[in-house]
Amino acid sequence: MATLKVTDDSFETDVLKAEKPVLLDFWAEWCGPCKQIGPALEQLSDEIGEKVTIAKMNIDDSPMTPSKLGVKGIPTLMLFKDGQMTSMKVGPMPKGKIVEWLTEAGVE
């Protein structure tokens, strides 16, 4: 499973109305740390995609949603369950830390 590309237009359907939890990565092409965690998120999508949707939103292409959600720095990872943002992490994390965070949040 590849990560799901989310836009301002698809955010409500893809994230807020999703049937399973969604881990949304706010990123940009010019962001080095964002590119560092990209491969880990792709791997997680393959490994745990049946439990959580791994999604990415490019803040340059879709600026309205990050602004509404108060995203100040990237990468920002937000976990959504049942239409609500339940947890957030800012900054790059190794794959193991992302898994640990998801486990603590009750996803894994």
PDB file of N, CA and C in Angstrom:
ATOM      1  N   MET A   1       0.843  -1.191   0.000  1.00  0.00           N
ATOM      2  CA  MET A   1       0.000   0.000   0.000  1.00  0.00           C
ATOM      3  C   MET A   1       0.880   1.243   0.000  1.00  0.00           C
ATOM      4  N   ALA A   2       0.609   2.134  -0.891  1.00  0.00           N
ATOM      5  CA  ALA A   2       1.339   3.397  -0.873  1.00  0.00           C
ATOM      6  C   ALA A   2       0.614   4.357   0.064  1.00  0.00           C
ATOM      7  N   THR A   3       1.314   5.407   0.464  1.00  0.00           N
ATOM      8  CA  THR A   3       0.654   6.407   1.301  1.00  0.00           C
ATOM      9  C   THR A   3      -0.422   7.109   0.478  1.00  0.00           C
ATOM     10  N   LEU A   4      -1.438   7.573   1.147  1.00  0.00           N
ATOM     11  CA  LEU A   4      -2.565   8.251   0.514  1.00  0.00           C
ATOM     12  C   LEU A   4      -2.256   9.736   0.403  1.00  0.00           C
ATOM     13  N   LYS A   5      -2.414  10.294  -0.790  1.00  0.00           N
ATOM     14  CA  LYS A   5      -2.210  11.730  -0.975  1.00  0.00           C
ATOM     15  C   LYS A   5      -3.511  12.451  -0.623  1.00  0.00           C
ATOM     16  N   VAL A   6      -3.431  13.361   0.342  1.00  0.00           N
ATOM     17  CA  VAL A   6      -4.605  14.102   0.798  1.00  0.00           C
ATOM     18  C   VAL A   6      -4.436  15.571   0.400  1.00  0.00           C
ATOM     19  N   THR A   7      -5.529  16.199  -0.024  1.00  0.00           N
ATOM     20  CA  THR A   7      -5.524  17.614  -0.386  1.00  0.00           C
ATOM     21  C   THR A   7      -6.541  18.349   0.485  1.00  0.00           C
ATOM     22  N   ASP A   8      -6.552  19.682   0.377  1.00  0.00           N
ATOM     23  CA  ASP A   8      -7.576  20.452   1.092  1.00  0.00           C
ATOM     24  C   ASP A   8      -8.972  19.946   0.722  1.00  0.00           C
ATOM     25  N   ASP A   9      -9.171  19.639  -0.567  1.00  0.00           N
ATOM     26  CA  ASP A   9     -10.487  19.205  -1.043  1.00  0.00           C
ATOM     27  C   ASP A   9     -10.870  17.819  -0.540  1.00  0.00           C
ATOM     28  N   SER A  10      -9.878  16.939  -0.363  1.00  0.00           N
ATOM     29  CA  SER A  10     -10.198  15.560   0.035  1.00  0.00           C
ATOM     30  C   SER A  10     -10.064  15.313   1.542  1.00  0.00           C
ATOM     31  N   PHE A  11      -9.604  16.313   2.307  1.00  0.00           N
ATOM     32  CA  PHE A  11      -9.325  16.132   3.733  1.00  0.00           C
ATOM     33  C   PHE A  11     -10.533  15.599   4.511  1.00  0.00           C
ATOM     34  N   GLU A  12     -11.695  16.198   4.313  1.00  0.00           N
ATOM     35  CA  GLU A  12     -12.872  15.772   5.078  1.00  0.00           C
ATOM     36  C   GLU A  12     -13.206  14.303   4.807  1.00  0.00           C
ATOM     37  N   THR A  13     -13.224  13.919   3.535  1.00  0.00           N
ATOM     38  CA  THR A  13     -13.561  12.547   3.163  1.00  0.00           C
ATOM     39  C   THR A  13     -12.462  11.568   3.559  1.00  0.00           C
ATOM     40  N   ASP A  14     -11.204  11.894   3.207  1.00  0.00           N
ATOM     41  CA  ASP A  14     -10.086  10.969   3.410  1.00  0.00           C
ATOM     42  C   ASP A  14      -9.649  10.834   4.862  1.00  0.00           C
ATOM     43  N   VAL A  15      -9.823  11.893   5.648  1.00  0.00           N
ATOM     44  CA  VAL A  15      -9.318  11.878   7.024  1.00  0.00           C
ATOM     45  C   VAL A  15     -10.451  11.918   8.053  1.00  0.00           C
ATOM     46  N   LEU A  16     -11.275  12.941   8.006  1.00  0.00           N
ATOM     47  CA  LEU A  16     -12.297  13.110   9.040  1.00  0.00           C
ATOM     48  C   LEU A  16     -13.386  12.039   8.980  1.00  0.00           C
ATOM     49  N   LYS A  17     -13.708  11.558   7.776  1.00  0.00           N
ATOM     50  CA  LYS A  17     -14.770  10.554   7.647  1.00  0.00           C
ATOM     51  C   LYS A  17     -14.212   9.150   7.418  1.00  0.00           C
ATOM     52  N   ALA A  18     -12.917   8.972   7.621  1.00  0.00           N
ATOM     53  CA  ALA A  18     -12.287   7.669   7.405  1.00  0.00           C
ATOM     54  C   ALA A  18     -12.809   6.650   8.417  1.00  0.00           C
ATOM     55  N   GLU A  19     -12.905   5.395   7.977  1.00  0.00           N
ATOM     56  CA  GLU A  19     -13.397   4.329   8.848  1.00  0.00           C
ATOM     57  C   GLU A  19     -12.360   3.875   9.861  1.00  0.00           C
ATOM     58  N   LYS A  20     -11.074   4.006   9.506  1.00  0.00           N
ATOM     59  CA  LYS A  20     -10.006   3.609  10.437  1.00  0.00           C
ATOM     60  C   LYS A  20      -9.140   4.830  10.746  1.00  0.00           C
ATOM     61  N   PRO A  21      -8.287   4.735  11.771  1.00  0.00           N
ATOM     62  CA  PRO A  21      -7.429   5.871  12.106  1.00  0.00           C
ATOM     63  C   PRO A  21      -6.560   6.295  10.911  1.00  0.00           C
ATOM     64  N   VAL A  22      -6.230   7.580  10.875  1.00  0.00           N
ATOM     65  CA  VAL A  22      -5.396   8.127   9.809  1.00  0.00           C
ATOM     66  C   VAL A  22      -4.203   8.862  10.427  1.00  0.00           C
ATOM     67  N   LEU A  23      -3.008   8.481  10.010  1.00  0.00           N
ATOM     68  CA  LEU A  23      -1.792   9.207  10.372  1.00  0.00           C
ATOM     69  C   LEU A  23      -1.500  10.131   9.208  1.00  0.00           C
ATOM     70  N   LEU A  24      -1.618  11.438   9.431  1.00  0.00           N
ATOM     71  CA  LEU A  24      -1.428  12.421   8.367  1.00  0.00           C
ATOM     72  C   LEU A  24      -0.113  13.154   8.576  1.00  0.00           C
ATOM     73  N   ASP A  25       0.725  13.095   7.544  1.00  0.00           N
ATOM     74  CA  ASP A  25       2.029  13.752   7.534  1.00  0.00           C
ATOM     75  C   ASP A  25       1.919  15.031   6.729  1.00  0.00           C
ATOM     76  N   PHE A  26       2.157  16.167   7.381  1.00  0.00           N
ATOM     77  CA  PHE A  26       2.218  17.452   6.681  1.00  0.00           C
ATOM     78  C   PHE A  26       3.668  17.674   6.282  1.00  0.00           C
ATOM     79  N   TRP A  27       3.912  17.898   4.983  1.00  0.00           N
ATOM     80  CA  TRP A  27       5.272  17.959   4.467  1.00  0.00           C
ATOM     81  C   TRP A  27       5.357  18.946   3.295  1.00  0.00           C
ATOM     82  N   ALA A  28       6.580  19.146   2.788  1.00  0.00           N
ATOM     83  CA  ALA A  28       6.809  19.954   1.590  1.00  0.00           C
ATOM     84  C   ALA A  28       8.045  19.423   0.867  1.00  0.00           C
ATOM     85  N   GLU A  29       8.097  19.645  -0.438  1.00  0.00           N
ATOM     86  CA  GLU A  29       9.225  19.185  -1.266  1.00  0.00           C
ATOM     87  C   GLU A  29      10.560  19.712  -0.761  1.00  0.00           C
ATOM     88  N   TRP A  30      10.581  20.958  -0.301  1.00  0.00           N
ATOM     89  CA  TRP A  30      11.825  21.625   0.088  1.00  0.00           C
ATOM     90  C   TRP A  30      12.286  21.271   1.509  1.00  0.00           C
ATOM     91  N   CYS A  31      11.533  20.436   2.200  1.00  0.00           N
ATOM     92  CA  CYS A  31      11.816  20.116   3.611  1.00  0.00           C
ATOM     93  C   CYS A  31      12.674  18.857   3.722  1.00  0.00           C
ATOM     94  N   GLY A  32      13.934  19.024   4.099  1.00  0.00           N
ATOM     95  CA  GLY A  32      14.850  17.893   4.258  1.00  0.00           C
ATOM     96  C   GLY A  32      14.369  16.852   5.259  1.00  0.00           C
ATOM     97  N   PRO A  33      14.019  17.261   6.488  1.00  0.00           N
ATOM     98  CA  PRO A  33      13.535  16.289   7.470  1.00  0.00           C
ATOM     99  C   PRO A  33      12.273  15.543   7.010  1.00  0.00           C
ATOM    100  N   CYS A  34      11.440  16.213   6.205  1.00  0.00           N
ATOM    101  CA  CYS A  34      10.238  15.548   5.670  1.00  0.00           C
ATOM    102  C   CYS A  34      10.644  14.400   4.759  1.00  0.00           C
ATOM    103  N   LYS A  35      11.660  14.639   3.952  1.00  0.00           N
ATOM    104  CA  LYS A  35      12.137  13.601   3.035  1.00  0.00           C
ATOM    105  C   LYS A  35      12.775  12.446   3.811  1.00  0.00           C
ATOM    106  N   GLN A  36      13.344  12.742   4.991  1.00  0.00           N
ATOM    107  CA  GLN A  36      13.959  11.690   5.813  1.00  0.00           C
ATOM    108  C   GLN A  36      12.925  10.686   6.298  1.00  0.00           C
ATOM    109  N   ILE A  37      11.740  11.156   6.696  1.00  0.00           N
ATOM    110  CA  ILE A  37      10.750  10.233   7.252  1.00  0.00           C
ATOM    111  C   ILE A  37       9.855   9.616   6.182  1.00  0.00           C
ATOM    112  N   GLY A  38       9.914  10.125   4.960  1.00  0.00           N
ATOM    113  CA  GLY A  38       9.082   9.609   3.873  1.00  0.00           C
ATOM    114  C   GLY A  38       9.185   8.103   3.687  1.00  0.00           C
ATOM    115  N   PRO A  39      10.408   7.546   3.568  1.00  0.00           N
ATOM    116  CA  PRO A  39      10.532   6.097   3.377  1.00  0.00           C
ATOM    117  C   PRO A  39       9.962   5.286   4.545  1.00  0.00           C
ATOM    118  N   ALA A  40      10.122   5.767   5.763  1.00  0.00           N
ATOM    119  CA  ALA A  40       9.572   5.073   6.936  1.00  0.00           C
ATOM    120  C   ALA A  40       8.049   5.030   6.859  1.00  0.00           C
ATOM    121  N   LEU A  41       7.440   6.132   6.419  1.00  0.00           N
ATOM    122  CA  LEU A  41       5.982   6.173   6.318  1.00  0.00           C
ATOM    123  C   LEU A  41       5.490   5.228   5.217  1.00  0.00           C
ATOM    124  N   GLU A  42       6.229   5.154   4.109  1.00  0.00           N
ATOM    125  CA  GLU A  42       5.873   4.215   3.039  1.00  0.00           C
ATOM    126  C   GLU A  42       5.931   2.771   3.557  1.00  0.00           C
ATOM    127  N   GLN A  43       6.996   2.448   4.319  1.00  0.00           N
ATOM    128  CA  GLN A  43       7.139   1.108   4.883  1.00  0.00           C
ATOM    129  C   GLN A  43       5.990   0.808   5.845  1.00  0.00           C
ATOM    130  N   LEU A  44       5.668   1.768   6.695  1.00  0.00           N
ATOM    131  CA  LEU A  44       4.580   1.566   7.657  1.00  0.00           C
ATOM    132  C   LEU A  44       3.248   1.366   6.943  1.00  0.00           C
ATOM    133  N   SER A  45       3.059   2.052   5.828  1.00  0.00           N
ATOM    134  CA  SER A  45       1.833   1.886   5.065  1.00  0.00           C
ATOM    135  C   SER A  45       1.705   0.434   4.606  1.00  0.00           C
ATOM    136  N   ASP A  46       2.826  -0.163   4.180  1.00  0.00           N
ATOM    137  CA  ASP A  46       2.826  -1.569   3.768  1.00  0.00           C
ATOM    138  C   ASP A  46       2.615  -2.499   4.965  1.00  0.00           C
ATOM    139  N   GLU A  47       3.255  -2.178   6.093  1.00  0.00           N
ATOM    140  CA  GLU A  47       3.267  -3.077   7.243  1.00  0.00           C
ATOM    141  C   GLU A  47       1.998  -3.028   8.096  1.00  0.00           C
ATOM    142  N   ILE A  48       1.444  -1.842   8.292  1.00  0.00           N
ATOM    143  CA  ILE A  48       0.286  -1.722   9.198  1.00  0.00           C
ATOM    144  C   ILE A  48      -0.895  -1.004   8.534  1.00  0.00           C
ATOM    145  N   GLY A  49      -0.908  -0.985   7.219  1.00  0.00           N
ATOM    146  CA  GLY A  49      -1.954  -0.291   6.476  1.00  0.00           C
ATOM    147  C   GLY A  49      -3.360  -0.793   6.730  1.00  0.00           C
ATOM    148  N   GLU A  50      -3.473  -2.038   7.211  1.00  0.00           N
ATOM    149  CA  GLU A  50      -4.818  -2.548   7.509  1.00  0.00           C
ATOM    150  C   GLU A  50      -5.360  -1.960   8.815  1.00  0.00           C
ATOM    151  N   LYS A  51      -4.475  -1.427   9.656  1.00  0.00           N
ATOM    152  CA  LYS A  51      -4.903  -0.860  10.947  1.00  0.00           C
ATOM    153  C   LYS A  51      -5.027   0.665  10.910  1.00  0.00           C
ATOM    154  N   VAL A  52      -4.193   1.303  10.102  1.00  0.00           N
ATOM    155  CA  VAL A  52      -4.163   2.769  10.049  1.00  0.00           C
ATOM    156  C   VAL A  52      -3.805   3.206   8.627  1.00  0.00           C
ATOM    157  N   THR A  53      -4.488   4.226   8.154  1.00  0.00           N
ATOM    158  CA  THR A  53      -4.163   4.792   6.852  1.00  0.00           C
ATOM    159  C   THR A  53      -3.025   5.789   7.040  1.00  0.00           C
ATOM    160  N   ILE A  54      -1.948   5.612   6.278  1.00  0.00           N
ATOM    161  CA  ILE A  54      -0.829   6.548   6.318  1.00  0.00           C
ATOM    162  C   ILE A  54      -1.036   7.515   5.151  1.00  0.00           C
ATOM    163  N   ALA A  55      -1.176   8.791   5.467  1.00  0.00           N
ATOM    164  CA  ALA A  55      -1.494   9.798   4.450  1.00  0.00           C
ATOM    165  C   ALA A  55      -0.504  10.957   4.517  1.00  0.00           C
ATOM    166  N   LYS A  56      -0.382  11.659   3.385  1.00  0.00           N
ATOM    167  CA  LYS A  56       0.537  12.799   3.310  1.00  0.00           C
ATOM    168  C   LYS A  56      -0.191  13.988   2.685  1.00  0.00           C
ATOM    169  N   MET A  57       0.078  15.180   3.236  1.00  0.00           N
ATOM    170  CA  MET A  57      -0.472  16.401   2.658  1.00  0.00           C
ATOM    171  C   MET A  57       0.658  17.390   2.419  1.00  0.00           C
ATOM    172  N   ASN A  58       0.829  17.780   1.166  1.00  0.00           N
ATOM    173  CA  ASN A  58       1.837  18.771   0.800  1.00  0.00           C
ATOM    174  C   ASN A  58       1.291  20.156   1.175  1.00  0.00           C
ATOM    175  N   ILE A  59       1.956  20.832   2.111  1.00  0.00           N
ATOM    176  CA  ILE A  59       1.438  22.109   2.622  1.00  0.00           C
ATOM    177  C   ILE A  59       1.507  23.225   1.580  1.00  0.00           C
ATOM    178  N   ASP A  60       2.363  23.075   0.569  1.00  0.00           N
ATOM    179  CA  ASP A  60       2.430  24.083  -0.490  1.00  0.00           C
ATOM    180  C   ASP A  60       1.267  23.935  -1.459  1.00  0.00           C
ATOM    181  N   ASP A  61       0.869  22.693  -1.730  1.00  0.00           N
ATOM    182  CA  ASP A  61      -0.250  22.438  -2.641  1.00  0.00           C
ATOM    183  C   ASP A  61      -1.595  22.625  -1.950  1.00  0.00           C
ATOM    184  N   SER A  62      -1.641  22.370  -0.664  1.00  0.00           N
ATOM    185  CA  SER A  62      -2.892  22.455   0.109  1.00  0.00           C
ATOM    186  C   SER A  62      -2.633  23.232   1.402  1.00  0.00           C
ATOM    187  N   PRO A  63      -2.606  24.571   1.350  1.00  0.00           N
ATOM    188  CA  PRO A  63      -2.265  25.371   2.540  1.00  0.00           C
ATOM    189  C   PRO A  63      -3.408  25.598   3.532  1.00  0.00           C
ATOM    190  N   MET A  64      -4.662  25.410   3.122  1.00  0.00           N
ATOM    191  CA  MET A  64      -5.786  25.756   4.003  1.00  0.00           C
ATOM    192  C   MET A  64      -5.898  24.841   5.216  1.00  0.00           C
ATOM    193  N   THR A  65      -5.804  23.528   5.006  1.00  0.00           N
ATOM    194  CA  THR A  65      -5.974  22.576   6.108  1.00  0.00           C
ATOM    195  C   THR A  65      -4.885  22.723   7.168  1.00  0.00           C
ATOM    196  N   PRO A  66      -3.586  22.759   6.777  1.00  0.00           N
ATOM    197  CA  PRO A  66      -2.561  22.937   7.810  1.00  0.00           C
ATOM    198  C   PRO A  66      -2.749  24.235   8.600  1.00  0.00           C
ATOM    199  N   SER A  67      -3.183  25.280   7.912  1.00  0.00           N
ATOM    200  CA  SER A  67      -3.419  26.559   8.583  1.00  0.00           C
ATOM    201  C   SER A  67      -4.542  26.434   9.607  1.00  0.00           C
ATOM    202  N   LYS A  68      -5.641  25.785   9.211  1.00  0.00           N
ATOM    203  CA  LYS A  68      -6.784  25.587  10.114  1.00  0.00           C
ATOM    204  C   LYS A  68      -6.405  24.747  11.329  1.00  0.00           C
ATOM    205  N   LEU A  69      -5.506  23.771  11.116  1.00  0.00           N
ATOM    206  CA  LEU A  69      -5.116  22.865  12.199  1.00  0.00           C
ATOM    207  C   LEU A  69      -3.949  23.388  13.027  1.00  0.00           C
ATOM    208  N   GLY A  70      -3.429  24.553  12.668  1.00  0.00           N
ATOM    209  CA  GLY A  70      -2.367  25.164  13.458  1.00  0.00           C
ATOM    210  C   GLY A  70      -0.992  24.562  13.248  1.00  0.00           C
ATOM    211  N   VAL A  71      -0.745  23.994  12.064  1.00  0.00           N
ATOM    212  CA  VAL A  71       0.578  23.437  11.778  1.00  0.00           C
ATOM    213  C   VAL A  71       1.577  24.583  11.680  1.00  0.00           C
ATOM    214  N   LYS A  72       2.593  24.549  12.535  1.00  0.00           N
ATOM    215  CA  LYS A  72       3.594  25.622  12.586  1.00  0.00           C
ATOM    216  C   LYS A  72       4.912  25.213  11.944  1.00  0.00           C
ATOM    217  N   GLY A  73       5.274  23.948  12.073  1.00  0.00           N
ATOM    218  CA  GLY A  73       6.525  23.455  11.514  1.00  0.00           C
ATOM    219  C   GLY A  73       6.294  22.115  10.855  1.00  0.00           C
ATOM    220  N   ILE A  74       7.197  21.749   9.957  1.00  0.00           N
ATOM    221  CA  ILE A  74       7.069  20.445   9.309  1.00  0.00           C
ATOM    222  C   ILE A  74       8.381  19.693   9.427  1.00  0.00           C
ATOM    223  N   PRO A  75       8.349  18.377   9.423  1.00  0.00           N
ATOM    224  CA  PRO A  75       7.143  17.562   9.328  1.00  0.00           C
ATOM    225  C   PRO A  75       6.316  17.589  10.616  1.00  0.00           C
ATOM    226  N   THR A  76       5.012  17.622  10.437  1.00  0.00           N
ATOM    227  CA  THR A  76       4.076  17.456  11.549  1.00  0.00           C
ATOM    228  C   THR A  76       3.246  16.214  11.253  1.00  0.00           C
ATOM    229  N   LEU A  77       3.190  15.319  12.218  1.00  0.00           N
ATOM    230  CA  LEU A  77       2.378  14.106  12.098  1.00  0.00           C
ATOM    231  C   LEU A  77       1.183  14.244  13.027  1.00  0.00           C
ATOM    232  N   MET A  78      -0.009  14.060  12.480  1.00  0.00           N
ATOM    233  CA  MET A  78      -1.231  14.108  13.292  1.00  0.00           C
ATOM    234  C   MET A  78      -1.973  12.798  13.125  1.00  0.00           C
ATOM    235  N   LEU A  79      -2.452  12.285  14.238  1.00  0.00           N
ATOM    236  CA  LEU A  79      -3.251  11.065  14.226  1.00  0.00           C
ATOM    237  C   LEU A  79      -4.715  11.434  14.424  1.00  0.00           C
ATOM    238  N   PHE A  80      -5.545  10.973  13.510  1.00  0.00           N
ATOM    239  CA  PHE A  80      -6.982  11.231  13.571  1.00  0.00           C
ATOM    240  C   PHE A  80      -7.727   9.919  13.803  1.00  0.00           C
ATOM    241  N   LYS A  81      -8.690   9.964  14.735  1.00  0.00           N
ATOM    242  CA  LYS A  81      -9.582   8.827  14.977  1.00  0.00           C
ATOM    243  C   LYS A  81     -10.994   9.373  15.073  1.00  0.00           C
ATOM    244  N   ASP A  82     -11.901   8.738  14.352  1.00  0.00           N
ATOM    245  CA  ASP A  82     -13.321   9.126  14.391  1.00  0.00           C
ATOM    246  C   ASP A  82     -13.518  10.625  14.166  1.00  0.00           C
ATOM    247  N   GLY A  83     -12.777  11.182  13.211  1.00  0.00           N
ATOM    248  CA  GLY A  83     -12.954  12.584  12.850  1.00  0.00           C
ATOM    249  C   GLY A  83     -12.279  13.589  13.765  1.00  0.00           C
ATOM    250  N   GLN A  84     -11.531  13.104  14.758  1.00  0.00           N
ATOM    251  CA  GLN A  84     -10.876  14.000  15.719  1.00  0.00           C
ATOM    252  C   GLN A  84      -9.369  13.782  15.711  1.00  0.00           C
ATOM    253  N   MET A  85      -8.621  14.875  15.809  1.00  0.00           N
ATOM    254  CA  MET A  85      -7.177  14.762  15.949  1.00  0.00           C
ATOM    255  C   MET A  85      -6.907  14.361  17.398  1.00  0.00           C
ATOM    256  N   THR A  86      -6.269  13.196  17.579  1.00  0.00           N
ATOM    257  CA  THR A  86      -6.080  12.669  18.927  1.00  0.00           C
ATOM    258  C   THR A  86      -4.644  12.787  19.428  1.00  0.00           C
ATOM    259  N   SER A  87      -3.700  12.973  18.511  1.00  0.00           N
ATOM    260  CA  SER A  87      -2.300  13.055  18.919  1.00  0.00           C
ATOM    261  C   SER A  87      -1.498  13.728  17.818  1.00  0.00           C
ATOM    262  N   MET A  88      -0.418  14.404  18.227  1.00  0.00           N
ATOM    263  CA  MET A  88       0.397  15.129  17.253  1.00  0.00           C
ATOM    264  C   MET A  88       1.868  15.068  17.652  1.00  0.00           C
ATOM    265  N   LYS A  89       2.731  14.956  16.656  1.00  0.00           N
ATOM    266  CA  LYS A  89       4.182  15.005  16.855  1.00  0.00           C
ATOM    267  C   LYS A  89       4.764  15.938  15.802  1.00  0.00           C
ATOM    268  N   VAL A  90       5.720  16.767  16.204  1.00  0.00           N
ATOM    269  CA  VAL A  90       6.374  17.678  15.271  1.00  0.00           C
ATOM    270  C   VAL A  90       7.849  17.304  15.183  1.00  0.00           C
ATOM    271  N   GLY A  91       8.352  17.252  13.959  1.00  0.00           N
ATOM    272  CA  GLY A  91       9.755  16.944  13.746  1.00  0.00           C
ATOM    273  C   GLY A  91       9.941  15.522  13.251  1.00  0.00           C
ATOM    274  N   PRO A  92      11.117  15.262  12.694  1.00  0.00           N
ATOM    275  CA  PRO A  92      11.370  13.923  12.155  1.00  0.00           C
ATOM    276  C   PRO A  92      11.541  12.900  13.273  1.00  0.00           C
ATOM    277  N   MET A  93      11.089  11.686  12.996  1.00  0.00           N
ATOM    278  CA  MET A  93      11.239  10.589  13.949  1.00  0.00           C
ATOM    279  C   MET A  93      11.645   9.350  13.172  1.00  0.00           C
ATOM    280  N   PRO A  94      12.491   8.497  13.769  1.00  0.00           N
ATOM    281  CA  PRO A  94      12.780   7.226  13.114  1.00  0.00           C
ATOM    282  C   PRO A  94      11.523   6.344  13.137  1.00  0.00           C
ATOM    283  N   LYS A  95      11.508   5.382  12.252  1.00  0.00           N
ATOM    284  CA  LYS A  95      10.355   4.488  12.113  1.00  0.00           C
ATOM    285  C   LYS A  95       9.948   3.868  13.447  1.00  0.00           C
ATOM    286  N   GLY A  96      10.922   3.414  14.230  1.00  0.00           N
ATOM    287  CA  GLY A  96      10.626   2.794  15.521  1.00  0.00           C
ATOM    288  C   GLY A  96       9.867   3.711  16.453  1.00  0.00           C
ATOM    289  N   LYS A  97      10.216   4.990  16.443  1.00  0.00           N
ATOM    290  CA  LYS A  97       9.528   5.965  17.310  1.00  0.00           C
ATOM    291  C   LYS A  97       8.104   6.221  16.821  1.00  0.00           C
ATOM    292  N   ILE A  98       7.923   6.208  15.514  1.00  0.00           N
ATOM    293  CA  ILE A  98       6.572   6.388  14.975  1.00  0.00           C
ATOM    294  C   ILE A  98       5.699   5.211  15.404  1.00  0.00           C
ATOM    295  N   VAL A  99       6.229   3.999  15.296  1.00  0.00           N
ATOM    296  CA  VAL A  99       5.489   2.798  15.711  1.00  0.00           C
ATOM    297  C   VAL A  99       5.168   2.865  17.205  1.00  0.00           C
ATOM    298  N   GLU A 100       6.156   3.275  17.998  1.00  0.00           N
ATOM    299  CA  GLU A 100       5.965   3.410  19.455  1.00  0.00           C
ATOM    300  C   GLU A 100       4.834   4.391  19.755  1.00  0.00           C
ATOM    301  N   TRP A 101       4.855   5.537  19.061  1.00  0.00           N
ATOM    302  CA  TRP A 101       3.828   6.569  19.244  1.00  0.00           C
ATOM    303  C   TRP A 101       2.452   6.019  18.869  1.00  0.00           C
ATOM    304  N   LEU A 102       2.363   5.319  17.736  1.00  0.00           N
ATOM    305  CA  LEU A 102       1.081   4.753  17.316  1.00  0.00           C
ATOM    306  C   LEU A 102       0.583   3.711  18.313  1.00  0.00           C
ATOM    307  N   THR A 103       1.498   2.911  18.845  1.00  0.00           N
ATOM    308  CA  THR A 103       1.124   1.906  19.840  1.00  0.00           C
ATOM    309  C   THR A 103       0.563   2.576  21.086  1.00  0.00           C
ATOM    310  N   GLU A 104       1.256   3.625  21.559  1.00  0.00           N
ATOM    311  CA  GLU A 104       0.793   4.376  22.741  1.00  0.00           C
ATOM    312  C   GLU A 104      -0.570   5.003  22.493  1.00  0.00           C
ATOM    313  N   ALA A 105      -0.820   5.381  21.228  1.00  0.00           N
ATOM    314  CA  ALA A 105      -2.089   6.009  20.882  1.00  0.00           C
ATOM    315  C   ALA A 105      -3.192   4.977  20.632  1.00  0.00           C
ATOM    316  N   GLY A 106      -2.837   3.684  20.774  1.00  0.00           N
ATOM    317  CA  GLY A 106      -3.829   2.635  20.653  1.00  0.00           C
ATOM    318  C   GLY A 106      -4.105   2.170  19.238  1.00  0.00           C
ATOM    319  N   VAL A 107      -3.164   2.429  18.302  1.00  0.00           N
ATOM    320  CA  VAL A 107      -3.393   2.035  16.913  1.00  0.00           C
ATOM    321  C   VAL A 107      -2.801   0.669  16.616  1.00  0.00           C
ATOM    322  N   GLU A 108      -1.584   0.407  17.064  1.00  0.00           N
ATOM    323  CA  GLU A 108      -0.886  -0.832  16.702  1.00  0.00           C
ATOM    324  C   GLU A 108      -1.477  -2.050  17.378  1.00  0.00           C
TER     325      GLU A 108
END
